[in-house]
Amino acid sequence: MKRFIVVLLILCMAGITQRTKAQAKVFKVQDVQIQKYKKPPLPEHYKQYLEETREVEIAVQQLTKAMIDADSSQLYALTYRNLKYAHSTGLVQSQKEFVDGITSGRSDFLSIDLSDQTVDIIDSTACVRHILTAKTFDNKVPGSVKLAILLVWVKQGGKWRLLARQAVKPQQ
């Protein structure tokens, strides 16, 4: 669009202002070749933002897999020692309580599906929102859950780690 306006201004300044409105419309369509417009390259900071967004998405996938697999070493590696893991019931767990709950079977995920995920990053902090739909087998009792989740990730030493999680029942 900017290119079109510049071309139009140049032609007007060159004295091609004698056309009627109908002719000017034909001029716009015939003389401006939009297909030659070349998209400018992405700014470097935007490329970095996209890379970091992908890193956060991978960390979320790794956490999800570790929860399904009840992999304590991965759960510890992906979370901070001072983790605040809040459930929709109001219960807030520490890192140890969260990992113990998953590995003991008190909180057992058979499958987890994440949808409507968004990632917002500012500096070294990422906020991830999604809808979690899961099949559970908590304390050997089959069940299912659907929650709106907010995750707060912090990048330290080149690695994204979960600092906080809040779950709420989604609005109907």
C-alpha atoms as a PDB file:
ATOM      1  CA  MET A   1       0.000   0.000   0.000  1.00  0.00           C
ATOM      2  CA  LYS A   2       2.841   2.389   0.829  1.00  0.00           C
ATOM      3  CA  ARG A   3       4.451   1.631  -2.513  1.00  0.00           C
ATOM      4  CA  PHE A   4       1.193   2.447  -4.290  1.00  0.00           C
ATOM      5  CA  ILE A   5       0.891   5.796  -2.517  1.00  0.00           C
ATOM      6  CA  VAL A   6       4.520   6.699  -3.327  1.00  0.00           C
ATOM      7  CA  VAL A   7       4.018   5.813  -7.018  1.00  0.00           C
ATOM      8  CA  LEU A   8       0.799   7.801  -7.121  1.00  0.00           C
ATOM      9  CA  LEU A   9       2.473  10.855  -5.530  1.00  0.00           C
ATOM     10  CA  ILE A  10       5.377  10.715  -7.968  1.00  0.00           C
ATOM     11  CA  LEU A  11       3.024  10.530 -10.953  1.00  0.00           C
ATOM     12  CA  CYS A  12       0.946  13.388  -9.606  1.00  0.00           C
ATOM     13  CA  MET A  13       4.041  15.519  -9.149  1.00  0.00           C
ATOM     14  CA  ALA A  14       5.133  14.692 -12.711  1.00  0.00           C
ATOM     15  CA  GLY A  15       1.990  16.327 -14.054  1.00  0.00           C
ATOM     16  CA  ILE A  16      -0.221  13.337 -14.620  1.00  0.00           C
ATOM     17  CA  THR A  17      -3.122  14.914 -12.813  1.00  0.00           C
ATOM     18  CA  GLN A  18      -5.320  15.536 -15.851  1.00  0.00           C
ATOM     19  CA  ARG A  19      -7.126  12.183 -15.631  1.00  0.00           C
ATOM     20  CA  THR A  20     -10.756  11.852 -14.662  1.00  0.00           C
ATOM     21  CA  LYS A  21     -11.766   9.838 -11.602  1.00  0.00           C
ATOM     22  CA  ALA A  22     -12.728   6.870 -13.786  1.00  0.00           C
ATOM     23  CA  GLN A  23      -9.347   6.975 -15.540  1.00  0.00           C
ATOM     24  CA  ALA A  24      -7.550   7.252 -12.191  1.00  0.00           C
ATOM     25  CA  LYS A  25      -9.232   4.029 -11.005  1.00  0.00           C
ATOM     26  CA  VAL A  26      -8.105   2.255 -14.152  1.00  0.00           C
ATOM     27  CA  PHE A  27      -4.617   3.672 -13.592  1.00  0.00           C
ATOM     28  CA  LYS A  28      -4.511   2.267 -10.032  1.00  0.00           C
ATOM     29  CA  VAL A  29      -5.479  -1.214 -11.147  1.00  0.00           C
ATOM     30  CA  GLN A  30      -3.423  -1.390 -14.340  1.00  0.00           C
ATOM     31  CA  ASP A  31      -0.176   0.388 -13.471  1.00  0.00           C
ATOM     32  CA  VAL A  32       0.572  -0.771  -9.929  1.00  0.00           C
ATOM     33  CA  GLN A  33       1.891  -4.311  -9.780  1.00  0.00           C
ATOM     34  CA  ILE A  34       1.237  -5.497  -6.256  1.00  0.00           C
ATOM     35  CA  GLN A  35       2.466  -9.004  -7.060  1.00  0.00           C
ATOM     36  CA  LYS A  36       6.013  -7.579  -7.205  1.00  0.00           C
ATOM     37  CA  TYR A  37       5.780  -6.506  -3.568  1.00  0.00           C
ATOM     38  CA  LYS A  38       8.404  -8.336  -1.557  1.00  0.00           C
ATOM     39  CA  LYS A  39       7.684  -9.034   2.088  1.00  0.00           C
ATOM     40  CA  PRO A  40      10.319  -7.448   4.325  1.00  0.00           C
ATOM     41  CA  PRO A  41      12.370  -9.845   6.447  1.00  0.00           C
ATOM     42  CA  LEU A  42      11.274 -10.383  10.041  1.00  0.00           C
ATOM     43  CA  PRO A  43      13.044  -8.154  12.556  1.00  0.00           C
ATOM     44  CA  GLU A  44      15.697 -10.057  14.525  1.00  0.00           C
ATOM     45  CA  HIS A  45      13.909  -9.584  17.865  1.00  0.00           C
ATOM     46  CA  TYR A  46      10.741 -11.122  16.394  1.00  0.00           C
ATOM     47  CA  LYS A  47      12.675 -14.179  15.218  1.00  0.00           C
ATOM     48  CA  GLN A  48      14.042 -14.553  18.746  1.00  0.00           C
ATOM     49  CA  TYR A  49      10.502 -14.206  20.172  1.00  0.00           C
ATOM     50  CA  LEU A  50       9.264 -16.975  17.868  1.00  0.00           C
ATOM     51  CA  GLU A  51      12.177 -19.226  18.896  1.00  0.00           C
ATOM     52  CA  GLU A  52      11.510 -18.613  22.588  1.00  0.00           C
ATOM     53  CA  THR A  53       7.797 -19.238  22.106  1.00  0.00           C
ATOM     54  CA  ARG A  54       8.653 -22.593  20.531  1.00  0.00           C
ATOM     55  CA  GLU A  55      10.993 -23.402  23.455  1.00  0.00           C
ATOM     56  CA  VAL A  56       8.180 -22.694  25.933  1.00  0.00           C
ATOM     57  CA  GLU A  57       5.748 -24.844  23.937  1.00  0.00           C
ATOM     58  CA  ILE A  58       8.287 -27.696  24.040  1.00  0.00           C
ATOM     59  CA  ALA A  59       8.703 -27.258  27.818  1.00  0.00           C
ATOM     60  CA  VAL A  60       4.900 -27.490  28.220  1.00  0.00           C
ATOM     61  CA  GLN A  61       4.888 -30.698  26.135  1.00  0.00           C
ATOM     62  CA  GLN A  62       7.723 -32.135  28.230  1.00  0.00           C
ATOM     63  CA  LEU A  63       5.879 -31.319  31.464  1.00  0.00           C
ATOM     64  CA  THR A  64       2.689 -32.909  30.118  1.00  0.00           C
ATOM     65  CA  LYS A  65       4.563 -36.083  29.151  1.00  0.00           C
ATOM     66  CA  ALA A  66       6.349 -36.205  32.531  1.00  0.00           C
ATOM     67  CA  MET A  67       2.977 -35.923  34.307  1.00  0.00           C
ATOM     68  CA  ILE A  68       1.484 -38.792  32.274  1.00  0.00           C
ATOM     69  CA  ASP A  69       4.639 -40.905  32.740  1.00  0.00           C
ATOM     70  CA  ALA A  70       4.951 -39.966  36.446  1.00  0.00           C
ATOM     71  CA  ASP A  71       8.625 -39.222  35.738  1.00  0.00           C
ATOM     72  CA  SER A  72       9.917 -37.640  38.955  1.00  0.00           C
ATOM     73  CA  SER A  73      13.350 -36.690  37.570  1.00  0.00           C
ATOM     74  CA  GLN A  74      11.747 -34.832  34.625  1.00  0.00           C
ATOM     75  CA  LEU A  75       9.159 -33.197  36.898  1.00  0.00           C
ATOM     76  CA  TYR A  76      11.915 -31.902  39.190  1.00  0.00           C
ATOM     77  CA  ALA A  77      14.032 -30.773  36.215  1.00  0.00           C
ATOM     78  CA  LEU A  78      11.149 -28.794  34.671  1.00  0.00           C
ATOM     79  CA  THR A  79      10.032 -27.022  37.862  1.00  0.00           C
ATOM     80  CA  TYR A  80      11.518 -24.618  40.403  1.00  0.00           C
ATOM     81  CA  ARG A  81      12.168 -25.699  43.979  1.00  0.00           C
ATOM     82  CA  ASN A  82       9.806 -22.920  45.136  1.00  0.00           C
ATOM     83  CA  LEU A  83       7.033 -23.987  42.721  1.00  0.00           C
ATOM     84  CA  LYS A  84       3.482 -22.950  43.611  1.00  0.00           C
ATOM     85  CA  TYR A  85       1.177 -25.515  41.971  1.00  0.00           C
ATOM     86  CA  ALA A  86      -2.431 -24.424  42.578  1.00  0.00           C
ATOM     87  CA  HIS A  87      -5.411 -26.677  41.906  1.00  0.00           C
ATOM     88  CA  SER A  88      -8.957 -25.608  41.040  1.00  0.00           C
ATOM     89  CA  THR A  89      -9.984 -26.716  44.550  1.00  0.00           C
ATOM     90  CA  GLY A  90      -7.741 -24.073  46.113  1.00  0.00           C
ATOM     91  CA  LEU A  91      -5.064 -26.545  47.212  1.00  0.00           C
ATOM     92  CA  VAL A  92      -1.556 -25.129  46.623  1.00  0.00           C
ATOM     93  CA  GLN A  93       1.334 -27.592  46.465  1.00  0.00           C
ATOM     94  CA  SER A  94       5.094 -27.147  46.705  1.00  0.00           C
ATOM     95  CA  GLN A  95       7.404 -28.763  44.160  1.00  0.00           C
ATOM     96  CA  LYS A  96       7.870 -31.827  46.382  1.00  0.00           C
ATOM     97  CA  GLU A  97       4.131 -32.174  47.080  1.00  0.00           C
ATOM     98  CA  PHE A  98       3.345 -31.841  43.357  1.00  0.00           C
ATOM     99  CA  VAL A  99       5.912 -34.478  42.322  1.00  0.00           C
ATOM    100  CA  ASP A 100       4.934 -36.826  45.185  1.00  0.00           C
ATOM    101  CA  GLY A 101       1.251 -36.512  44.207  1.00  0.00           C
ATOM    102  CA  ILE A 102       2.003 -37.492  40.608  1.00  0.00           C
ATOM    103  CA  THR A 103       4.464 -40.317  41.375  1.00  0.00           C
ATOM    104  CA  SER A 104       2.385 -41.839  44.211  1.00  0.00           C
ATOM    105  CA  GLY A 105      -0.756 -42.231  42.090  1.00  0.00           C
ATOM    106  CA  ARG A 106      -2.820 -39.809  44.187  1.00  0.00           C
ATOM    107  CA  SER A 107      -2.917 -37.666  41.049  1.00  0.00           C
ATOM    108  CA  ASP A 108      -2.637 -40.050  38.097  1.00  0.00           C
ATOM    109  CA  PHE A 109      -3.055 -38.781  34.529  1.00  0.00           C
ATOM    110  CA  LEU A 110      -3.789 -41.413  31.880  1.00  0.00           C
ATOM    111  CA  SER A 111      -4.006 -38.824  29.100  1.00  0.00           C
ATOM    112  CA  ILE A 112      -3.813 -35.061  28.815  1.00  0.00           C
ATOM    113  CA  ASP A 113      -5.053 -32.988  25.884  1.00  0.00           C
ATOM    114  CA  LEU A 114      -4.188 -29.280  25.730  1.00  0.00           C
ATOM    115  CA  SER A 115      -6.168 -26.882  23.540  1.00  0.00           C
ATOM    116  CA  ASP A 116      -6.545 -23.140  22.903  1.00  0.00           C
ATOM    117  CA  GLN A 117      -2.978 -22.542  24.052  1.00  0.00           C
ATOM    118  CA  THR A 118      -1.474 -19.056  24.061  1.00  0.00           C
ATOM    119  CA  VAL A 119       2.070 -18.047  25.002  1.00  0.00           C
ATOM    120  CA  ASP A 120       3.072 -14.512  26.019  1.00  0.00           C
ATOM    121  CA  ILE A 121       6.716 -13.757  26.759  1.00  0.00           C
ATOM    122  CA  ILE A 122       8.217 -10.685  28.406  1.00  0.00           C
ATOM    123  CA  ASP A 123      11.954 -10.814  28.989  1.00  0.00           C
ATOM    124  CA  SER A 124      12.624 -14.135  30.742  1.00  0.00           C
ATOM    125  CA  THR A 125       9.034 -14.801  31.894  1.00  0.00           C
ATOM    126  CA  ALA A 126       6.379 -16.645  29.913  1.00  0.00           C
ATOM    127  CA  CYS A 127       2.671 -16.932  30.674  1.00  0.00           C
ATOM    128  CA  VAL A 128       0.969 -19.913  29.077  1.00  0.00           C
ATOM    129  CA  ARG A 129      -2.794 -20.362  29.057  1.00  0.00           C
ATOM    130  CA  HIS A 130      -4.642 -23.408  27.790  1.00  0.00           C
ATOM    131  CA  ILE A 131      -7.566 -25.726  28.388  1.00  0.00           C
ATOM    132  CA  LEU A 132      -6.536 -29.068  29.892  1.00  0.00           C
ATOM    133  CA  THR A 133      -8.807 -32.048  29.264  1.00  0.00           C
ATOM    134  CA  ALA A 134      -7.630 -35.257  30.914  1.00  0.00           C
ATOM    135  CA  LYS A 135      -8.539 -38.803  31.790  1.00  0.00           C
ATOM    136  CA  THR A 136      -7.446 -39.575  35.345  1.00  0.00           C
ATOM    137  CA  PHE A 137      -7.050 -42.560  37.641  1.00  0.00           C
ATOM    138  CA  ASP A 138      -6.548 -40.702  40.921  1.00  0.00           C
ATOM    139  CA  ASN A 139      -6.163 -43.126  43.842  1.00  0.00           C
ATOM    140  CA  LYS A 140      -7.193 -45.905  41.405  1.00  0.00           C
ATOM    141  CA  VAL A 141     -10.559 -44.254  40.661  1.00  0.00           C
ATOM    142  CA  PRO A 142     -11.291 -43.473  36.974  1.00  0.00           C
ATOM    143  CA  GLY A 143     -12.320 -39.922  36.191  1.00  0.00           C
ATOM    144  CA  SER A 144     -11.989 -36.984  33.850  1.00  0.00           C
ATOM    145  CA  VAL A 145     -11.273 -33.315  34.255  1.00  0.00           C
ATOM    146  CA  LYS A 146     -11.496 -30.146  32.169  1.00  0.00           C
ATOM    147  CA  LEU A 147      -9.666 -27.080  33.499  1.00  0.00           C
ATOM    148  CA  ALA A 148      -8.473 -23.666  32.365  1.00  0.00           C
ATOM    149  CA  ILE A 149      -4.782 -23.455  33.251  1.00  0.00           C
ATOM    150  CA  LEU A 150      -2.333 -20.581  33.687  1.00  0.00           C
ATOM    151  CA  LEU A 151       1.363 -21.533  33.808  1.00  0.00           C
ATOM    152  CA  VAL A 152       4.175 -19.110  34.638  1.00  0.00           C
ATOM    153  CA  TRP A 153       7.553 -20.156  33.235  1.00  0.00           C
ATOM    154  CA  VAL A 154      10.899 -18.459  33.884  1.00  0.00           C
ATOM    155  CA  LYS A 155      13.997 -18.859  31.748  1.00  0.00           C
ATOM    156  CA  GLN A 156      17.203 -19.228  33.708  1.00  0.00           C
ATOM    157  CA  GLY A 157      20.488 -20.592  32.421  1.00  0.00           C
ATOM    158  CA  GLY A 158      18.957 -21.081  28.973  1.00  0.00           C
ATOM    159  CA  LYS A 159      16.228 -23.381  30.317  1.00  0.00           C
ATOM    160  CA  TRP A 160      12.507 -22.744  30.862  1.00  0.00           C
ATOM    161  CA  ARG A 161      11.218 -23.947  34.234  1.00  0.00           C
ATOM    162  CA  LEU A 162       7.750 -23.808  35.770  1.00  0.00           C
ATOM    163  CA  LEU A 163       7.429 -21.331  38.651  1.00  0.00           C
ATOM    164  CA  ALA A 164       3.656 -21.282  39.152  1.00  0.00           C
ATOM    165  CA  ARG A 165       0.477 -22.961  37.988  1.00  0.00           C
ATOM    166  CA  GLN A 166      -3.155 -21.998  38.605  1.00  0.00           C
ATOM    167  CA  ALA A 167      -6.166 -24.077  37.553  1.00  0.00           C
ATOM    168  CA  VAL A 168      -9.795 -22.981  37.459  1.00  0.00           C
ATOM    169  CA  LYS A 169     -12.964 -24.568  36.177  1.00  0.00           C
ATOM    170  CA  PRO A 170     -13.611 -23.070  32.726  1.00  0.00           C
ATOM    171  CA  GLN A 171     -16.645 -20.892  32.135  1.00  0.00           C
ATOM    172  CA  GLN A 172     -19.480 -22.646  30.354  1.00  0.00           C
END
